[in-house]
N, C-alpha and C. Protein backbone atom coordinates (compact mmCIF):
# COMPACT_ATOMS: atom_id res chain seq x y z
N UNK A 1 0.85 -1.14 -0.11
CA UNK A 1 -0.07 0.04 -0.14
C UNK A 1 0.93 1.33 -0.16
N UNK A 2 0.53 2.29 -0.71
CA UNK A 2 1.05 3.43 -0.88
C UNK A 2 0.01 4.31 -0.62
N UNK A 3 0.58 5.89 0.00
CA UNK A 3 -0.32 6.67 0.02
C UNK A 3 0.28 7.67 -1.20
N UNK A 4 -0.72 8.24 -2.01
CA UNK A 4 -0.52 9.05 -2.79
C UNK A 4 -1.30 10.58 -2.98
N UNK A 5 -0.34 11.42 -3.47
CA UNK A 5 -1.02 13.06 -3.75
C UNK A 5 -1.74 12.96 -5.02
N UNK A 6 -2.88 13.08 -5.05
CA UNK A 6 -3.71 12.79 -6.41
C UNK A 6 -3.15 14.15 -7.51
N UNK A 7 -2.81 15.32 -6.84
CA UNK A 7 -2.27 16.05 -8.01
C UNK A 7 -1.19 15.65 -8.84
N UNK A 8 -0.47 14.43 -8.24
CA UNK A 8 0.94 13.75 -8.95
C UNK A 8 0.15 12.85 -10.00
N UNK A 9 -0.96 12.34 -9.77
CA UNK A 9 -1.46 11.17 -10.93
C UNK A 9 -2.77 11.62 -11.25
N UNK A 10 -2.84 12.36 -12.37
CA UNK A 10 -4.21 13.15 -12.81
C UNK A 10 -5.00 11.93 -13.33
N UNK A 11 -4.65 10.79 -13.78
CA UNK A 11 -5.43 9.84 -14.55
C UNK A 11 -6.54 9.23 -12.93
N UNK A 12 -5.72 9.00 -12.36
CA UNK A 12 -6.33 8.54 -10.73
C UNK A 12 -7.11 9.54 -10.35
N UNK A 13 -6.58 10.61 -10.27
CA UNK A 13 -7.54 11.85 -9.88
C UNK A 13 -9.02 12.13 -10.50
N UNK A 14 -8.91 12.11 -11.63
CA UNK A 14 -10.25 11.89 -12.68
C UNK A 14 -11.03 10.75 -12.14
N UNK A 15 -10.38 9.77 -12.04
CA UNK A 15 -11.49 8.52 -11.73
C UNK A 15 -11.77 8.78 -10.54
N UNK A 16 -11.22 9.28 -9.65
CA UNK A 16 -11.91 9.33 -8.04
C UNK A 16 -12.83 10.41 -8.11
N UNK A 17 -12.55 11.67 -9.09
CA UNK A 17 -13.73 12.68 -9.03
C UNK A 17 -14.68 12.30 -9.62
N UNK A 18 -14.80 11.15 -10.79
CA UNK A 18 -15.91 10.71 -11.18
C UNK A 18 -16.90 9.70 -10.18
N UNK A 19 -16.35 9.35 -9.00
CA UNK A 19 -17.17 8.61 -8.12
C UNK A 19 -17.29 9.58 -7.02
N UNK A 20 -17.11 10.96 -7.26
CA UNK A 20 -17.82 11.97 -6.03
C UNK A 20 -16.49 12.10 -4.63
N UNK A 21 -15.13 11.52 -5.19
CA UNK A 21 -13.98 11.52 -3.99
C UNK A 21 -13.57 13.13 -4.33
N UNK A 22 -13.51 13.94 -3.16
CA UNK A 22 -13.07 14.95 -3.54
C UNK A 22 -11.49 15.39 -2.57
N UNK A 23 -11.36 14.35 -1.87
CA UNK A 23 -10.09 14.66 -0.97
C UNK A 23 -8.81 14.72 -1.72
N UNK A 24 -7.48 15.13 -1.17
CA UNK A 24 -6.32 15.41 -2.04
C UNK A 24 -5.36 14.10 -2.10
N UNK A 25 -5.67 13.05 -1.14
CA UNK A 25 -4.98 11.66 -0.91
C UNK A 25 -5.63 10.70 -1.32
N UNK A 26 -5.02 9.61 -1.62
CA UNK A 26 -5.80 8.57 -1.65
C UNK A 26 -4.82 7.11 -1.26
N UNK A 27 -5.24 5.99 -0.64
CA UNK A 27 -4.11 4.83 -0.53
C UNK A 27 -4.39 3.88 -1.77
N UNK A 28 -3.20 3.42 -2.24
CA UNK A 28 -3.37 2.62 -3.61
C UNK A 28 -2.94 1.29 -3.23
N UNK A 29 -3.45 0.10 -3.35
CA UNK A 29 -3.15 -1.17 -3.28
C UNK A 29 -3.09 -1.84 -4.68
N UNK A 30 -2.09 -2.94 -4.82
CA UNK A 30 -2.05 -3.53 -5.93
C UNK A 30 -2.88 -4.95 -5.51
N UNK A 31 -3.84 -5.33 -6.21
CA UNK A 31 -4.36 -6.76 -5.66
C UNK A 31 -5.61 -7.09 -6.78
N UNK A 32 -5.81 -8.42 -6.79
CA UNK A 32 -6.85 -8.80 -7.72
C UNK A 32 -8.19 -9.28 -7.29
N UNK A 33 -8.42 -8.85 -5.99
CA UNK A 33 -9.97 -9.08 -5.54
C UNK A 33 -9.84 -8.19 -4.59
N UNK A 34 -11.25 -7.94 -3.78
CA UNK A 34 -11.51 -7.26 -2.73
C UNK A 34 -12.71 -7.73 -2.02
N UNK A 35 -12.58 -7.83 -0.96
CA UNK A 35 -14.07 -8.37 -0.27
C UNK A 35 -14.62 -7.07 0.34
N UNK A 36 -15.75 -6.88 0.03
CA UNK A 36 -16.46 -5.63 0.31
C UNK A 36 -17.30 -6.02 1.99
N UNK A 37 -16.61 -5.34 2.63
CA UNK A 37 -16.73 -5.63 4.16
C UNK A 37 -17.42 -4.22 4.79
N UNK A 38 -17.79 -4.27 5.87
CA UNK A 38 -18.53 -3.31 6.61
C UNK A 38 -19.33 -2.25 5.80
N UNK A 39 -20.39 -2.73 4.72
CA UNK A 39 -20.76 -1.89 4.17
C UNK A 39 -22.19 -1.36 4.84
N UNK A 40 -22.32 -1.62 5.67
CA UNK A 40 -23.49 -0.94 6.85
C UNK A 40 -22.96 -0.23 8.01
N UNK A 41 -23.76 0.61 8.30
CA UNK A 41 -23.35 1.85 9.53
C UNK A 41 -23.12 0.84 10.98
N UNK A 42 -21.97 1.28 11.28
CA UNK A 42 -21.55 0.55 12.52
C UNK A 42 -20.51 1.73 13.27
N UNK A 43 -21.23 2.25 14.33
CA UNK A 43 -20.55 3.03 15.13
C UNK A 43 -20.04 4.33 14.33
N UNK A 44 -20.68 4.95 13.63
CA UNK A 44 -20.22 6.19 12.76
C UNK A 44 -19.50 5.78 11.56
N UNK A 45 -19.13 4.25 11.28
CA UNK A 45 -18.41 3.83 10.13
C UNK A 45 -19.17 3.15 9.11
N UNK A 46 -18.63 3.51 7.98
CA UNK A 46 -19.35 2.62 6.91
C UNK A 46 -18.37 2.65 5.40
N UNK A 47 -18.45 1.65 4.80
CA UNK A 47 -17.68 1.41 3.46
C UNK A 47 -18.29 1.25 2.41
N UNK A 48 -18.11 2.21 1.48
CA UNK A 48 -18.71 2.18 0.22
C UNK A 48 -17.73 1.57 -0.89
N UNK A 49 -18.21 0.50 -1.75
CA UNK A 49 -17.20 0.00 -2.76
C UNK A 49 -17.76 0.26 -4.12
N UNK A 50 -17.08 0.67 -5.18
CA UNK A 50 -17.56 0.56 -6.37
C UNK A 50 -16.58 -0.11 -7.33
N UNK A 51 -17.23 -0.93 -8.55
CA UNK A 51 -16.10 -1.40 -9.30
C UNK A 51 -16.20 -0.19 -10.35
N UNK A 52 -14.91 0.11 -10.97
CA UNK A 52 -15.13 1.50 -11.75
C UNK A 52 -14.06 1.06 -13.02
N UNK A 53 -14.44 1.54 -14.24
CA UNK A 53 -13.84 1.34 -15.28
C UNK A 53 -12.66 2.27 -15.47
N UNK A 54 -11.47 2.08 -16.18
CA UNK A 54 -10.46 3.18 -16.16
C UNK A 54 -11.04 4.52 -16.58
N UNK A 55 -12.12 4.62 -17.43
CA UNK A 55 -12.58 5.91 -17.65
C UNK A 55 -13.61 6.60 -17.05
N UNK A 56 -13.83 5.90 -15.73
CA UNK A 56 -14.61 6.39 -14.65
C UNK A 56 -16.08 5.99 -14.70
N UNK A 57 -16.46 5.07 -15.49
CA UNK A 57 -17.75 4.60 -15.34
C UNK A 57 -17.91 3.28 -14.33
N UNK A 58 -18.71 3.87 -13.52
CA UNK A 58 -19.06 2.85 -12.54
C UNK A 58 -19.94 1.59 -13.14
N UNK A 59 -19.23 0.37 -12.85
CA UNK A 59 -19.96 -0.62 -13.39
C UNK A 59 -20.80 -1.40 -12.47
N UNK A 60 -20.64 -1.41 -11.06
CA UNK A 60 -21.34 -1.84 -10.03
C UNK A 60 -20.99 -1.36 -8.63
N UNK A 61 -21.87 -1.01 -7.79
CA UNK A 61 -21.77 -0.82 -6.30
C UNK A 61 -22.02 -1.65 -5.68
N UNK A 62 -21.33 -1.89 -4.29
CA UNK A 62 -21.66 -3.03 -3.30
C UNK A 62 -22.92 -2.91 -2.89
N UNK A 63 -23.61 -3.98 -2.32
CA UNK A 63 -24.75 -3.87 -1.72
C UNK A 63 -24.56 -3.72 -0.37
N UNK A 64 -25.36 -3.00 0.48
CA UNK A 64 -25.49 -2.85 1.97
C UNK A 64 -25.81 -4.19 2.55
N UNK A 65 -24.93 -5.02 3.19
CA UNK A 65 -25.09 -6.19 3.82
C UNK A 65 -24.41 -6.21 5.18
N UNK A 66 -25.78 -6.23 6.30
CA UNK A 66 -25.11 -6.17 7.84
C UNK A 66 -25.20 -7.48 7.93
N UNK A 67 -24.35 -7.83 8.95
CA UNK A 67 -23.95 -9.45 9.43
C UNK A 67 -25.41 -10.04 9.85
N UNK A 68 -26.54 -9.58 10.24
CA UNK A 68 -27.82 -10.07 10.63
C UNK A 68 -28.40 -10.70 9.40
N UNK A 69 -28.11 -10.01 8.27
CA UNK A 69 -28.79 -10.55 7.02
C UNK A 69 -28.57 -11.84 6.50
N UNK A 70 -27.27 -12.37 6.76
CA UNK A 70 -27.09 -13.69 6.57
C UNK A 70 -26.30 -13.66 5.25
N UNK A 71 -26.35 -12.63 4.55
CA UNK A 71 -25.71 -12.64 3.36
C UNK A 71 -24.00 -12.65 3.14
N UNK A 72 -23.41 -13.22 2.48
CA UNK A 72 -21.94 -12.90 2.53
C UNK A 72 -21.44 -11.97 1.57
N UNK A 73 -20.53 -11.18 2.25
CA UNK A 73 -19.78 -10.08 1.56
C UNK A 73 -19.65 -10.23 0.08
N UNK A 74 -20.00 -9.32 -0.57
CA UNK A 74 -19.56 -9.28 -2.34
C UNK A 74 -18.19 -9.31 -2.46
N UNK A 75 -17.47 -9.94 -3.48
CA UNK A 75 -16.23 -9.71 -3.99
C UNK A 75 -16.23 -9.05 -5.34
N UNK A 76 -15.17 -8.26 -5.42
CA UNK A 76 -14.93 -7.74 -6.72
C UNK A 76 -13.49 -7.90 -7.27
N UNK A 77 -13.33 -8.17 -8.45
CA UNK A 77 -12.17 -8.53 -9.04
C UNK A 77 -11.92 -7.33 -9.96
N UNK A 78 -10.55 -7.23 -10.01
CA UNK A 78 -9.79 -6.11 -10.44
C UNK A 78 -9.29 -6.44 -11.90
N UNK A 79 -9.92 -7.65 -12.75
CA UNK A 79 -9.45 -8.09 -14.40
C UNK A 79 -9.91 -6.94 -15.13
N UNK A 80 -9.68 -7.06 -16.57
CA UNK A 80 -9.96 -6.28 -17.37
C UNK A 80 -9.68 -4.93 -17.49
N UNK A 81 -8.83 -4.38 -16.44
CA UNK A 81 -8.60 -3.13 -16.27
C UNK A 81 -9.54 -2.54 -15.43
N UNK A 82 -10.31 -3.11 -14.56
CA UNK A 82 -11.10 -2.37 -13.79
C UNK A 82 -10.58 -2.15 -12.35
N UNK A 83 -10.96 -1.01 -11.60
CA UNK A 83 -10.35 -0.61 -10.44
C UNK A 83 -11.32 -0.73 -9.33
N UNK A 84 -11.29 -1.05 -8.02
CA UNK A 84 -11.97 -1.08 -7.03
C UNK A 84 -11.57 -0.02 -6.21
N UNK A 85 -12.77 0.84 -5.93
CA UNK A 85 -12.74 1.87 -5.17
C UNK A 85 -13.45 1.86 -3.99
N UNK A 86 -12.89 2.25 -2.73
CA UNK A 86 -13.35 2.02 -1.43
C UNK A 86 -13.43 3.42 -0.67
N UNK A 87 -14.84 3.94 -0.50
CA UNK A 87 -14.76 5.24 -0.07
C UNK A 87 -15.79 4.97 1.16
N UNK A 88 -16.02 6.18 1.96
CA UNK A 88 -17.09 5.75 2.91
C UNK A 88 -17.18 7.10 4.25
N UNK A 89 -17.13 6.38 5.22
CA UNK A 89 -17.01 7.38 6.38
C UNK A 89 -16.29 6.58 7.45
N UNK A 90 -15.72 7.16 8.40
CA UNK A 90 -14.68 6.80 9.55
C UNK A 90 -14.90 7.84 10.55
N UNK A 91 -15.69 7.11 11.41
CA UNK A 91 -15.93 8.14 12.84
C UNK A 91 -16.73 9.04 12.40
N UNK A 92 -17.66 9.06 11.64
CA UNK A 92 -18.60 10.06 10.87
C UNK A 92 -17.95 11.17 10.23
N UNK A 93 -16.67 11.10 9.72
CA UNK A 93 -15.96 12.07 8.82
C UNK A 93 -15.77 11.21 7.50
N UNK A 94 -15.68 12.10 6.16
CA UNK A 94 -15.21 11.21 5.10
C UNK A 94 -13.82 10.19 5.09
N UNK A 95 -13.93 9.17 4.81
CA UNK A 95 -12.65 8.53 4.72
C UNK A 95 -11.78 8.83 3.62
N UNK A 96 -10.76 8.50 3.63
CA UNK A 96 -9.39 8.65 2.69
C UNK A 96 -9.96 7.15 1.48
N UNK A 97 -10.03 7.38 0.38
CA UNK A 97 -10.17 6.52 -0.31
C UNK A 97 -9.03 5.33 -0.69
N UNK A 98 -9.65 4.21 -0.77
CA UNK A 98 -8.73 3.25 -0.87
C UNK A 98 -8.87 2.56 -2.26
N UNK A 99 -7.97 2.67 -3.16
CA UNK A 99 -7.91 2.05 -4.46
C UNK A 99 -7.15 0.85 -4.82
N UNK A 100 -7.85 -0.20 -5.39
CA UNK A 100 -7.04 -1.45 -5.46
C UNK A 100 -7.14 -1.62 -7.12
N UNK A 101 -5.76 -1.72 -7.69
CA UNK A 101 -5.50 -1.88 -9.06
C UNK A 101 -4.96 -3.05 -9.34
N UNK A 102 -5.16 -4.04 -10.53
CA UNK A 102 -4.70 -5.17 -10.84
C UNK A 102 -3.26 -4.79 -10.83
N UNK A 103 -2.14 -5.64 -10.49
CA UNK A 103 -0.74 -5.24 -10.56
C UNK A 103 -0.42 -5.12 -11.93
N UNK A 104 -0.77 -5.71 -12.80
CA UNK A 104 -0.52 -5.60 -14.54
C UNK A 104 -1.12 -4.09 -14.86
N UNK A 105 -1.83 -3.59 -14.40
CA UNK A 105 -2.38 -2.12 -14.85
C UNK A 105 -1.86 -1.15 -14.10
N UNK A 106 -0.84 -1.44 -13.08
CA UNK A 106 -0.65 -0.02 -12.30
C UNK A 106 0.25 0.78 -13.24
N UNK A 107 0.83 0.51 -14.22
CA UNK A 107 1.74 1.24 -14.99
C UNK A 107 0.54 2.48 -15.61
N UNK A 108 -0.72 1.75 -15.99
CA UNK A 108 -1.40 2.52 -16.55
C UNK A 108 -1.80 4.12 -16.01
N UNK A 109 -1.56 3.89 -14.73
CA UNK A 109 -1.78 5.09 -13.63
C UNK A 109 -0.67 5.71 -13.42
N UNK A 110 0.36 5.18 -13.96
CA UNK A 110 1.58 6.01 -13.68
C UNK A 110 2.48 5.59 -12.26
N UNK A 111 2.03 4.37 -11.90
CA UNK A 111 2.36 4.09 -10.53
C UNK A 111 3.48 2.70 -10.49
């Protein structure tokens, strides 16, 4: 994981702006799958996940599933150039985005 200043990575910044993210930094991970956990409100915190194409088009958003619903957490995969963006709230404040990119596509974003 690395923390990046979005002003230094314009393609990544554009992608995050299209999903409504406005902060200046983001965490970037290399990975092929993401388990969408904590998509429900719990103590002022909630995670939102989106599967996004490199052009910023949101392909799918994770469903909200509490542990009481009995539904297993969704999994998103970063193949075909897709990127998984995790945003949400931490202790009632907007959380820093966590972006998961397939290791083969990291160079497309200048990483």
